[in-house]
Amino acid sequence: MMQLTSVTVIKNLTAKTENGNYQIEHHVVSGILQKVSVTAFSSDGEQFIGSINLENGTTSCSFPTEVRLTPYFEDFDSFVAEIKAEAENTPEQ
């Protein structure tokens, strides 16, 4: 007989804020957020700006030095808070 040991949910999302357009991927394993990858693009979606990643409690980013990071990290924090709230309120399979 098989026994379920974990459930992994991977979601791909898009978001738009006043700072730009975003592609978001996140992984939730057995109700716990494991990974969030956010790629930022210009408001018209044409130009890649940078990326922010959260994995196993560590955040890293890759942006050109001339880019002001604060707006993108504020958006990232908002995305992560929303994803965590959703993960906590979703019953396990």
PDB file of N, CA and C in Angstrom:
ATOM      1  N   MET A   1       0.839  -1.181   0.000  1.00  0.00           N
ATOM      2  CA  MET A   1       0.000   0.000   0.000  1.00  0.00           C
ATOM      3  C   MET A   1       0.887   1.248   0.000  1.00  0.00           C
ATOM      4  N   MET A   2       0.516   2.221  -0.797  1.00  0.00           N
ATOM      5  CA  MET A   2       1.276   3.469  -0.859  1.00  0.00           C
ATOM      6  C   MET A   2       0.830   4.417   0.240  1.00  0.00           C
ATOM      7  N   GLN A   3       1.793   5.188   0.723  1.00  0.00           N
ATOM      8  CA  GLN A   3       1.494   6.164   1.755  1.00  0.00           C
ATOM      9  C   GLN A   3       1.985   7.529   1.277  1.00  0.00           C
ATOM     10  N   LEU A   4       1.125   8.510   1.345  1.00  0.00           N
ATOM     11  CA  LEU A   4       1.479   9.870   0.953  1.00  0.00           C
ATOM     12  C   LEU A   4       2.427  10.457   1.985  1.00  0.00           C
ATOM     13  N   THR A   5       3.596  10.923   1.524  1.00  0.00           N
ATOM     14  CA  THR A   5       4.580  11.497   2.447  1.00  0.00           C
ATOM     15  C   THR A   5       4.654  13.009   2.361  1.00  0.00           C
ATOM     16  N   SER A   6       4.318  13.574   1.198  1.00  0.00           N
ATOM     17  CA  SER A   6       4.287  15.028   1.085  1.00  0.00           C
ATOM     18  C   SER A   6       3.511  15.415  -0.171  1.00  0.00           C
ATOM     19  N   VAL A   7       3.058  16.660  -0.177  1.00  0.00           N
ATOM     20  CA  VAL A   7       2.352  17.224  -1.323  1.00  0.00           C
ATOM     21  C   VAL A   7       3.088  18.497  -1.712  1.00  0.00           C
ATOM     22  N   THR A   8       3.517  18.563  -2.971  1.00  0.00           N
ATOM     23  CA  THR A   8       4.208  19.753  -3.475  1.00  0.00           C
ATOM     24  C   THR A   8       3.298  20.466  -4.461  1.00  0.00           C
ATOM     25  N   VAL A   9       3.076  21.754  -4.214  1.00  0.00           N
ATOM     26  CA  VAL A   9       2.264  22.572  -5.103  1.00  0.00           C
ATOM     27  C   VAL A   9       3.172  23.657  -5.678  1.00  0.00           C
ATOM     28  N   ILE A  10       3.222  23.724  -7.009  1.00  0.00           N
ATOM     29  CA  ILE A  10       4.009  24.756  -7.691  1.00  0.00           C
ATOM     30  C   ILE A  10       3.038  25.635  -8.459  1.00  0.00           C
ATOM     31  N   LYS A  11       3.106  26.930  -8.209  1.00  0.00           N
ATOM     32  CA  LYS A  11       2.225  27.872  -8.903  1.00  0.00           C
ATOM     33  C   LYS A  11       3.060  28.899  -9.654  1.00  0.00           C
ATOM     34  N   ASN A  12       2.597  29.257 -10.843  1.00  0.00           N
ATOM     35  CA  ASN A  12       3.186  30.328 -11.641  1.00  0.00           C
ATOM     36  C   ASN A  12       2.155  31.443 -11.752  1.00  0.00           C
ATOM     37  N   LEU A  13       2.567  32.643 -11.382  1.00  0.00           N
ATOM     38  CA  LEU A  13       1.661  33.788 -11.324  1.00  0.00           C
ATOM     39  C   LEU A  13       2.277  34.992 -12.022  1.00  0.00           C
ATOM     40  N   THR A  14       1.442  35.968 -12.313  1.00  0.00           N
ATOM     41  CA  THR A  14       1.917  37.261 -12.774  1.00  0.00           C
ATOM     42  C   THR A  14       1.316  38.324 -11.869  1.00  0.00           C
ATOM     43  N   ALA A  15       2.005  39.438 -11.752  1.00  0.00           N
ATOM     44  CA  ALA A  15       1.510  40.558 -10.957  1.00  0.00           C
ATOM     45  C   ALA A  15       1.998  41.852 -11.598  1.00  0.00           C
ATOM     46  N   LYS A  16       1.245  42.909 -11.365  1.00  0.00           N
ATOM     47  CA  LYS A  16       1.627  44.225 -11.870  1.00  0.00           C
ATOM     48  C   LYS A  16       1.463  45.226 -10.736  1.00  0.00           C
ATOM     49  N   THR A  17       2.498  46.030 -10.517  1.00  0.00           N
ATOM     50  CA  THR A  17       2.444  47.106  -9.530  1.00  0.00           C
ATOM     51  C   THR A  17       2.911  48.384 -10.224  1.00  0.00           C
ATOM     52  N   GLU A  18       2.944  49.461  -9.492  1.00  0.00           N
ATOM     53  CA  GLU A  18       3.442  50.709 -10.077  1.00  0.00           C
ATOM     54  C   GLU A  18       4.936  50.631 -10.390  1.00  0.00           C
ATOM     55  N   ASN A  19       5.628  49.640  -9.816  1.00  0.00           N
ATOM     56  CA  ASN A  19       7.067  49.493 -10.043  1.00  0.00           C
ATOM     57  C   ASN A  19       7.409  48.645 -11.259  1.00  0.00           C
ATOM     58  N   GLY A  20       6.473  47.810 -11.703  1.00  0.00           N
ATOM     59  CA  GLY A  20       6.751  46.974 -12.864  1.00  0.00           C
ATOM     60  C   GLY A  20       5.840  45.773 -12.952  1.00  0.00           C
ATOM     61  N   ASN A  21       6.164  44.902 -13.876  1.00  0.00           N
ATOM     62  CA  ASN A  21       5.460  43.637 -14.067  1.00  0.00           C
ATOM     63  C   ASN A  21       6.331  42.518 -13.509  1.00  0.00           C
ATOM     64  N   TYR A  22       5.673  41.511 -12.959  1.00  0.00           N
ATOM     65  CA  TYR A  22       6.408  40.427 -12.306  1.00  0.00           C
ATOM     66  C   TYR A  22       5.918  39.062 -12.776  1.00  0.00           C
ATOM     67  N   GLN A  23       6.851  38.130 -12.870  1.00  0.00           N
ATOM     68  CA  GLN A  23       6.539  36.719 -13.016  1.00  0.00           C
ATOM     69  C   GLN A  23       6.961  36.063 -11.704  1.00  0.00           C
ATOM     70  N   ILE A  24       6.061  35.277 -11.140  1.00  0.00           N
ATOM     71  CA  ILE A  24       6.279  34.701  -9.816  1.00  0.00           C
ATOM     72  C   ILE A  24       6.071  33.193  -9.885  1.00  0.00           C
ATOM     73  N   GLU A  25       6.991  32.458  -9.293  1.00  0.00           N
ATOM     74  CA  GLU A  25       6.814  31.019  -9.133  1.00  0.00           C
ATOM     75  C   GLU A  25       7.050  30.697  -7.672  1.00  0.00           C
ATOM     76  N   HIS A  26       6.165  29.887  -7.095  1.00  0.00           N
ATOM     77  CA  HIS A  26       6.403  29.485  -5.706  1.00  0.00           C
ATOM     78  C   HIS A  26       6.080  28.023  -5.509  1.00  0.00           C
ATOM     79  N   HIS A  27       6.801  27.426  -4.535  1.00  0.00           N
ATOM     80  CA  HIS A  27       6.664  26.012  -4.207  1.00  0.00           C
ATOM     81  C   HIS A  27       6.234  25.904  -2.745  1.00  0.00           C
ATOM     82  N   VAL A  28       5.169  25.178  -2.523  1.00  0.00           N
ATOM     83  CA  VAL A  28       4.703  24.890  -1.166  1.00  0.00           C
ATOM     84  C   VAL A  28       4.747  23.375  -0.999  1.00  0.00           C
ATOM     85  N   VAL A  29       5.479  22.915   0.010  1.00  0.00           N
ATOM     86  CA  VAL A  29       5.610  21.481   0.262  1.00  0.00           C
ATOM     87  C   VAL A  29       4.929  21.169   1.589  1.00  0.00           C
ATOM     88  N   SER A  30       3.891  20.353   1.523  1.00  0.00           N
ATOM     89  CA  SER A  30       3.123  19.961   2.711  1.00  0.00           C
ATOM     90  C   SER A  30       2.712  21.171   3.546  1.00  0.00           C
ATOM     91  N   GLY A  31       2.244  22.221   2.855  1.00  0.00           N
ATOM     92  CA  GLY A  31       1.736  23.411   3.531  1.00  0.00           C
ATOM     93  C   GLY A  31       2.785  24.403   3.976  1.00  0.00           C
ATOM     94  N   ILE A  32       4.061  24.156   3.676  1.00  0.00           N
ATOM     95  CA  ILE A  32       5.143  25.054   4.099  1.00  0.00           C
ATOM     96  C   ILE A  32       5.794  25.667   2.861  1.00  0.00           C
ATOM     97  N   LEU A  33       5.884  26.981   2.849  1.00  0.00           N
ATOM     98  CA  LEU A  33       6.502  27.686   1.726  1.00  0.00           C
ATOM     99  C   LEU A  33       7.991  27.371   1.682  1.00  0.00           C
ATOM    100  N   GLN A  34       8.450  26.821   0.571  1.00  0.00           N
ATOM    101  CA  GLN A  34       9.852  26.449   0.414  1.00  0.00           C
ATOM    102  C   GLN A  34      10.621  27.388  -0.502  1.00  0.00           C
ATOM    103  N   LYS A  35       9.942  27.912  -1.528  1.00  0.00           N
ATOM    104  CA  LYS A  35      10.663  28.686  -2.533  1.00  0.00           C
ATOM    105  C   LYS A  35       9.742  29.703  -3.192  1.00  0.00           C
ATOM    106  N   VAL A  36      10.281  30.905  -3.400  1.00  0.00           N
ATOM    107  CA  VAL A  36       9.596  31.943  -4.176  1.00  0.00           C
ATOM    108  C   VAL A  36      10.633  32.546  -5.108  1.00  0.00           C
ATOM    109  N   SER A  37      10.329  32.562  -6.404  1.00  0.00           N
ATOM    110  CA  SER A  37      11.195  33.202  -7.400  1.00  0.00           C
ATOM    111  C   SER A  37      10.396  34.297  -8.085  1.00  0.00           C
ATOM    112  N   VAL A  38      10.913  35.516  -8.034  1.00  0.00           N
ATOM    113  CA  VAL A  38      10.236  36.658  -8.638  1.00  0.00           C
ATOM    114  C   VAL A  38      11.166  37.303  -9.654  1.00  0.00           C
ATOM    115  N   THR A  39      10.673  37.472 -10.865  1.00  0.00           N
ATOM    116  CA  THR A  39      11.427  38.143 -11.919  1.00  0.00           C
ATOM    117  C   THR A  39      10.713  39.448 -12.228  1.00  0.00           C
ATOM    118  N   ALA A  40      11.448  40.556 -12.184  1.00  0.00           N
ATOM    119  CA  ALA A  40      10.878  41.883 -12.398  1.00  0.00           C
ATOM    120  C   ALA A  40      11.178  42.379 -13.809  1.00  0.00           C
ATOM    121  N   PHE A  41      10.154  42.957 -14.413  1.00  0.00           N
ATOM    122  CA  PHE A  41      10.269  43.560 -15.738  1.00  0.00           C
ATOM    123  C   PHE A  41       9.760  44.994 -15.668  1.00  0.00           C
ATOM    124  N   SER A  42      10.117  45.791 -16.652  1.00  0.00           N
ATOM    125  CA  SER A  42       9.642  47.171 -16.732  1.00  0.00           C
ATOM    126  C   SER A  42       8.115  47.180 -16.830  1.00  0.00           C
ATOM    127  N   SER A  43       7.515  48.348 -16.615  1.00  0.00           N
ATOM    128  CA  SER A  43       6.058  48.474 -16.631  1.00  0.00           C
ATOM    129  C   SER A  43       5.437  48.035 -17.947  1.00  0.00           C
ATOM    130  N   ASP A  44       6.170  48.204 -19.050  1.00  0.00           N
ATOM    131  CA  ASP A  44       5.643  47.756 -20.342  1.00  0.00           C
ATOM    132  C   ASP A  44       5.946  46.282 -20.595  1.00  0.00           C
ATOM    133  N   GLY A  45       6.674  45.643 -19.681  1.00  0.00           N
ATOM    134  CA  GLY A  45       6.981  44.227 -19.792  1.00  0.00           C
ATOM    135  C   GLY A  45       8.080  43.889 -20.772  1.00  0.00           C
ATOM    136  N   GLU A  46       8.700  44.892 -21.354  1.00  0.00           N
ATOM    137  CA  GLU A  46       9.698  44.669 -22.398  1.00  0.00           C
ATOM    138  C   GLU A  46      11.115  44.464 -21.873  1.00  0.00           C
ATOM    139  N   GLN A  47      11.451  45.104 -20.756  1.00  0.00           N
ATOM    140  CA  GLN A  47      12.830  45.086 -20.284  1.00  0.00           C
ATOM    141  C   GLN A  47      12.964  44.315 -18.973  1.00  0.00           C
ATOM    142  N   PHE A  48      13.873  43.337 -18.944  1.00  0.00           N
ATOM    143  CA  PHE A  48      14.196  42.609 -17.726  1.00  0.00           C
ATOM    144  C   PHE A  48      14.905  43.552 -16.766  1.00  0.00           C
ATOM    145  N   ILE A  49      14.472  43.568 -15.510  1.00  0.00           N
ATOM    146  CA  ILE A  49      15.086  44.441 -14.509  1.00  0.00           C
ATOM    147  C   ILE A  49      15.961  43.650 -13.550  1.00  0.00           C
ATOM    148  N   GLY A  50      15.431  42.553 -13.003  1.00  0.00           N
ATOM    149  CA  GLY A  50      16.197  41.757 -12.050  1.00  0.00           C
ATOM    150  C   GLY A  50      15.349  40.661 -11.450  1.00  0.00           C
ATOM    151  N   SER A  51      15.924  39.961 -10.476  1.00  0.00           N
ATOM    152  CA  SER A  51      15.190  38.863  -9.848  1.00  0.00           C
ATOM    153  C   SER A  51      15.507  38.783  -8.360  1.00  0.00           C
ATOM    154  N   ILE A  52      14.529  38.251  -7.614  1.00  0.00           N
ATOM    155  CA  ILE A  52      14.676  38.036  -6.176  1.00  0.00           C
ATOM    156  C   ILE A  52      14.212  36.612  -5.904  1.00  0.00           C
ATOM    157  N   ASN A  53      14.973  35.894  -5.092  1.00  0.00           N
ATOM    158  CA  ASN A  53      14.646  34.508  -4.779  1.00  0.00           C
ATOM    159  C   ASN A  53      14.678  34.278  -3.278  1.00  0.00           C
ATOM    160  N   LEU A  54      13.695  33.538  -2.810  1.00  0.00           N
ATOM    161  CA  LEU A  54      13.639  33.096  -1.425  1.00  0.00           C
ATOM    162  C   LEU A  54      13.618  31.579  -1.456  1.00  0.00           C
ATOM    163  N   GLU A  55      14.584  30.957  -0.789  1.00  0.00           N
ATOM    164  CA  GLU A  55      14.601  29.495  -0.760  1.00  0.00           C
ATOM    165  C   GLU A  55      15.116  29.020   0.587  1.00  0.00           C
ATOM    166  N   ASN A  56      14.298  28.227   1.259  1.00  0.00           N
ATOM    167  CA  ASN A  56      14.656  27.659   2.562  1.00  0.00           C
ATOM    168  C   ASN A  56      15.150  28.721   3.542  1.00  0.00           C
ATOM    169  N   GLY A  57      14.445  29.844   3.597  1.00  0.00           N
ATOM    170  CA  GLY A  57      14.755  30.879   4.569  1.00  0.00           C
ATOM    171  C   GLY A  57      15.853  31.851   4.186  1.00  0.00           C
ATOM    172  N   THR A  58      16.378  31.766   2.958  1.00  0.00           N
ATOM    173  CA  THR A  58      17.437  32.667   2.513  1.00  0.00           C
ATOM    174  C   THR A  58      16.974  33.442   1.284  1.00  0.00           C
ATOM    175  N   THR A  59      17.186  34.757   1.308  1.00  0.00           N
ATOM    176  CA  THR A  59      16.807  35.612   0.178  1.00  0.00           C
ATOM    177  C   THR A  59      18.059  36.046  -0.563  1.00  0.00           C
ATOM    178  N   SER A  60      17.987  35.996  -1.897  1.00  0.00           N
ATOM    179  CA  SER A  60      19.087  36.470  -2.741  1.00  0.00           C
ATOM    180  C   SER A  60      18.486  37.245  -3.898  1.00  0.00           C
ATOM    181  N   CYS A  61      19.307  38.082  -4.516  1.00  0.00           N
ATOM    182  CA  CYS A  61      18.801  38.871  -5.635  1.00  0.00           C
ATOM    183  C   CYS A  61      19.896  39.107  -6.665  1.00  0.00           C
ATOM    184  N   SER A  62      19.453  39.517  -7.845  1.00  0.00           N
ATOM    185  CA  SER A  62      20.366  39.859  -8.926  1.00  0.00           C
ATOM    186  C   SER A  62      19.780  41.044  -9.681  1.00  0.00           C
ATOM    187  N   PHE A  63      20.389  42.209  -9.497  1.00  0.00           N
ATOM    188  CA  PHE A  63      19.962  43.441 -10.152  1.00  0.00           C
ATOM    189  C   PHE A  63      21.200  44.212 -10.604  1.00  0.00           C
ATOM    190  N   PRO A  64      21.076  44.992 -11.665  1.00  0.00           N
ATOM    191  CA  PRO A  64      22.185  45.883 -12.027  1.00  0.00           C
ATOM    192  C   PRO A  64      22.422  46.895 -10.905  1.00  0.00           C
ATOM    193  N   THR A  65      23.650  47.355 -10.760  1.00  0.00           N
ATOM    194  CA  THR A  65      23.990  48.257  -9.655  1.00  0.00           C
ATOM    195  C   THR A  65      23.257  49.595  -9.715  1.00  0.00           C
ATOM    196  N   GLU A  66      22.820  50.017 -10.880  1.00  0.00           N
ATOM    197  CA  GLU A  66      22.162  51.323 -10.988  1.00  0.00           C
ATOM    198  C   GLU A  66      20.681  51.285 -10.625  1.00  0.00           C
ATOM    199  N   VAL A  67      20.140  50.107 -10.348  1.00  0.00           N
ATOM    200  CA  VAL A  67      18.724  49.966 -10.028  1.00  0.00           C
ATOM    201  C   VAL A  67      18.504  50.197  -8.534  1.00  0.00           C
ATOM    202  N   ARG A  68      17.511  51.028  -8.204  1.00  0.00           N
ATOM    203  CA  ARG A  68      17.120  51.252  -6.813  1.00  0.00           C
ATOM    204  C   ARG A  68      16.295  50.041  -6.368  1.00  0.00           C
ATOM    205  N   LEU A  69      16.769  49.311  -5.377  1.00  0.00           N
ATOM    206  CA  LEU A  69      16.188  48.028  -4.995  1.00  0.00           C
ATOM    207  C   LEU A  69      14.931  48.112  -4.139  1.00  0.00           C
ATOM    208  N   THR A  70      14.795  49.159  -3.350  1.00  0.00           N
ATOM    209  CA  THR A  70      13.723  49.237  -2.363  1.00  0.00           C
ATOM    210  C   THR A  70      12.330  48.948  -2.927  1.00  0.00           C
ATOM    211  N   PRO A  71      11.925  49.550  -4.044  1.00  0.00           N
ATOM    212  CA  PRO A  71      10.571  49.284  -4.536  1.00  0.00           C
ATOM    213  C   PRO A  71      10.337  47.813  -4.881  1.00  0.00           C
ATOM    214  N   TYR A  72      11.347  47.167  -5.423  1.00  0.00           N
ATOM    215  CA  TYR A  72      11.198  45.771  -5.818  1.00  0.00           C
ATOM    216  C   TYR A  72      11.140  44.852  -4.608  1.00  0.00           C
ATOM    217  N   PHE A  73      11.906  45.167  -3.562  1.00  0.00           N
ATOM    218  CA  PHE A  73      11.853  44.366  -2.347  1.00  0.00           C
ATOM    219  C   PHE A  73      10.546  44.598  -1.593  1.00  0.00           C
ATOM    220  N   GLU A  74      10.001  45.806  -1.650  1.00  0.00           N
ATOM    221  CA  GLU A  74       8.696  46.039  -1.029  1.00  0.00           C
ATOM    222  C   GLU A  74       7.625  45.209  -1.728  1.00  0.00           C
ATOM    223  N   ASP A  75       7.652  45.180  -3.059  1.00  0.00           N
ATOM    224  CA  ASP A  75       6.706  44.340  -3.800  1.00  0.00           C
ATOM    225  C   ASP A  75       6.928  42.868  -3.459  1.00  0.00           C
ATOM    226  N   PHE A  76       8.183  42.438  -3.427  1.00  0.00           N
ATOM    227  CA  PHE A  76       8.523  41.052  -3.099  1.00  0.00           C
ATOM    228  C   PHE A  76       7.967  40.672  -1.730  1.00  0.00           C
ATOM    229  N   ASP A  77       8.181  41.532  -0.729  1.00  0.00           N
ATOM    230  CA  ASP A  77       7.678  41.255   0.620  1.00  0.00           C
ATOM    231  C   ASP A  77       6.155  41.101   0.614  1.00  0.00           C
ATOM    232  N   SER A  78       5.493  41.928  -0.164  1.00  0.00           N
ATOM    233  CA  SER A  78       4.041  41.849  -0.286  1.00  0.00           C
ATOM    234  C   SER A  78       3.613  40.531  -0.923  1.00  0.00           C
ATOM    235  N   PHE A  79       4.301  40.131  -1.987  1.00  0.00           N
ATOM    236  CA  PHE A  79       3.990  38.859  -2.649  1.00  0.00           C
ATOM    237  C   PHE A  79       4.181  37.691  -1.689  1.00  0.00           C
ATOM    238  N   VAL A  80       5.293  37.685  -0.968  1.00  0.00           N
ATOM    239  CA  VAL A  80       5.599  36.583  -0.042  1.00  0.00           C
ATOM    240  C   VAL A  80       4.546  36.522   1.068  1.00  0.00           C
ATOM    241  N   ALA A  81       4.141  37.661   1.604  1.00  0.00           N
ATOM    242  CA  ALA A  81       3.119  37.676   2.657  1.00  0.00           C
ATOM    243  C   ALA A  81       1.805  37.092   2.137  1.00  0.00           C
ATOM    244  N   GLU A  82       1.431  37.458   0.923  1.00  0.00           N
ATOM    245  CA  GLU A  82       0.193  36.933   0.332  1.00  0.00           C
ATOM    246  C   GLU A  82       0.292  35.424   0.089  1.00  0.00           C
ATOM    247  N   ILE A  83       1.426  34.979  -0.407  1.00  0.00           N
ATOM    248  CA  ILE A  83       1.631  33.547  -0.670  1.00  0.00           C
ATOM    249  C   ILE A  83       1.608  32.756   0.633  1.00  0.00           C
ATOM    250  N   LYS A  84       2.276  33.265   1.672  1.00  0.00           N
ATOM    251  CA  LYS A  84       2.293  32.577   2.966  1.00  0.00           C
ATOM    252  C   LYS A  84       0.889  32.478   3.545  1.00  0.00           C
ATOM    253  N   ALA A  85       0.119  33.555   3.457  1.00  0.00           N
ATOM    254  CA  ALA A  85      -1.248  33.540   3.981  1.00  0.00           C
ATOM    255  C   ALA A  85      -2.090  32.502   3.242  1.00  0.00           C
ATOM    256  N   GLU A  86      -1.926  32.422   1.942  1.00  0.00           N
ATOM    257  CA  GLU A  86      -2.664  31.434   1.149  1.00  0.00           C
ATOM    258  C   GLU A  86      -2.248  30.013   1.531  1.00  0.00           C
ATOM    259  N   ALA A  87      -0.935  29.803   1.679  1.00  0.00           N
ATOM    260  CA  ALA A  87      -0.434  28.456   2.018  1.00  0.00           C
ATOM    261  C   ALA A  87      -0.954  28.005   3.384  1.00  0.00           C
ATOM    262  N   GLU A  88      -1.031  28.920   4.330  1.00  0.00           N
ATOM    263  CA  GLU A  88      -1.506  28.577   5.669  1.00  0.00           C
ATOM    264  C   GLU A  88      -2.992  28.250   5.690  1.00  0.00           C
ATOM    265  N   ASN A  89      -3.749  28.826   4.755  1.00  0.00           N
ATOM    266  CA  ASN A  89      -5.185  28.623   4.717  1.00  0.00           C
ATOM    267  C   ASN A  89      -5.642  27.553   3.738  1.00  0.00           C
ATOM    268  N   THR A  90      -4.681  26.863   3.098  1.00  0.00           N
ATOM    269  CA  THR A  90      -5.019  25.812   2.156  1.00  0.00           C
ATOM    270  C   THR A  90      -4.846  24.466   2.838  1.00  0.00           C
ATOM    271  N   PRO A  91      -5.924  23.683   2.901  1.00  0.00           N
ATOM    272  CA  PRO A  91      -5.793  22.374   3.537  1.00  0.00           C
ATOM    273  C   PRO A  91      -4.905  21.458   2.702  1.00  0.00           C
ATOM    274  N   GLU A  92      -4.142  20.592   3.380  1.00  0.00           N
ATOM    275  CA  GLU A  92      -3.283  19.641   2.676  1.00  0.00           C
ATOM    276  C   GLU A  92      -4.143  18.609   1.964  1.00  0.00           C
ATOM    277  N   GLN A  93      -3.607  18.071   0.884  1.00  0.00           N
ATOM    278  CA  GLN A  93      -4.326  17.056   0.110  1.00  0.00           C
ATOM    279  C   GLN A  93      -4.409  15.762   0.878  1.00  0.00           C
TER     280      GLN A  93
END
